[in-house]
Protein backbone atom coordinates (compact mmCIF):
# COMPACT_ATOMS: atom_id res chain seq x y z
CA UNK A 1 -0.79 6.24 -28.21
CA UNK A 2 0.66 8.18 -25.03
CA UNK A 3 -0.99 8.08 -22.14
CA UNK A 4 -1.24 9.84 -18.90
CA UNK A 5 -0.23 6.95 -16.05
CA UNK A 6 3.60 6.58 -15.28
CA UNK A 7 4.98 2.94 -16.87
CA UNK A 8 7.02 0.77 -14.76
CA UNK A 9 8.93 -2.46 -15.93
CA UNK A 10 9.15 -5.05 -14.15
CA UNK A 11 10.52 -8.47 -13.78
CA UNK A 12 9.38 -11.32 -12.09
CA UNK A 13 10.93 -14.65 -10.49
CA UNK A 14 8.23 -17.52 -12.37
CA UNK A 15 6.73 -17.88 -9.01
CA UNK A 16 6.06 -14.61 -8.61
CA UNK A 17 4.76 -14.34 -12.43
CA UNK A 18 2.43 -18.08 -12.37
CA UNK A 19 0.96 -16.76 -8.57
CA UNK A 20 0.26 -13.38 -10.38
CA UNK A 21 -1.22 -14.81 -13.42
CA UNK A 22 -3.34 -17.39 -11.57
CA UNK A 23 -4.81 -14.47 -8.96
CA UNK A 24 -5.82 -12.45 -12.73
CA UNK A 25 -7.60 -15.36 -13.60
CA UNK A 26 -9.44 -16.08 -10.48
CA UNK A 27 -10.49 -12.55 -10.40
CA UNK A 28 -11.12 -12.25 -14.63
CA UNK A 29 -8.43 -8.92 -14.54
CA UNK A 30 -5.19 -8.55 -16.47
CA UNK A 31 -1.67 -9.31 -14.65
CA UNK A 32 -1.17 -5.73 -15.00
CA UNK A 33 -3.80 -4.48 -13.19
CA UNK A 34 -3.61 -7.53 -10.46
CA UNK A 35 -0.06 -6.61 -9.69
CA UNK A 36 -1.47 -2.89 -9.79
CA UNK A 37 -3.93 -3.95 -7.01
CA UNK A 38 -1.12 -5.64 -5.00
CA UNK A 39 0.89 -3.10 -5.40
CA UNK A 40 -1.29 -0.31 -3.95
CA UNK A 41 -2.31 -2.74 -1.00
CA UNK A 42 1.41 -2.98 -0.39
CA UNK A 43 1.75 0.97 -0.25
CA UNK A 44 -1.09 1.02 2.08
CA UNK A 45 0.42 -1.54 5.01
CA UNK A 46 3.37 0.35 4.28
CA UNK A 47 1.97 3.54 5.08
CA UNK A 48 0.05 2.09 8.33
CA UNK A 49 3.20 0.68 9.47
CA UNK A 50 4.84 3.55 9.17
CA UNK A 51 2.21 5.89 10.93
CA UNK A 52 1.92 3.06 13.69
CA UNK A 53 5.94 3.67 14.44
CA UNK A 54 5.56 7.06 14.58
CA UNK A 55 2.65 7.16 16.87
CA UNK A 56 4.39 4.89 19.20
CA UNK A 57 6.87 6.85 19.34
CA UNK A 58 5.16 9.57 20.62
CA UNK A 59 3.24 7.66 22.85
CA UNK A 60 4.72 7.66 26.31
CA UNK A 61 3.96 8.91 30.11
CA UNK A 62 5.02 12.43 29.16
CA UNK A 63 3.14 12.33 26.21
CA UNK A 64 0.81 15.64 25.84
CA UNK A 65 -1.99 15.26 26.03
CA UNK A 66 -4.79 17.24 23.13
CA UNK A 67 -8.62 17.46 24.08
CA UNK A 68 -10.44 16.26 21.40
CA UNK A 69 -12.53 19.64 20.72
CA UNK A 70 -8.93 21.65 20.57
CA UNK A 71 -7.69 19.00 18.22
CA UNK A 72 -10.41 19.74 15.67
CA UNK A 73 -10.45 23.33 16.60
């Protein structure tokens, strides 16, 4: 049966597989669902770090400040 989701084959070391299995059992879900949840969480962290670095690069003594109302107009 075809699926709309992209499939990714992933090989993990035994220790990672064991942890994924234990976490999946704890959360009463499948290993693949638990792995997907953790990948999504990691992607959020990566995005936060990238946006934080961008904000830090823009912040400085010569930074241009915009009034709140002007920013959302």
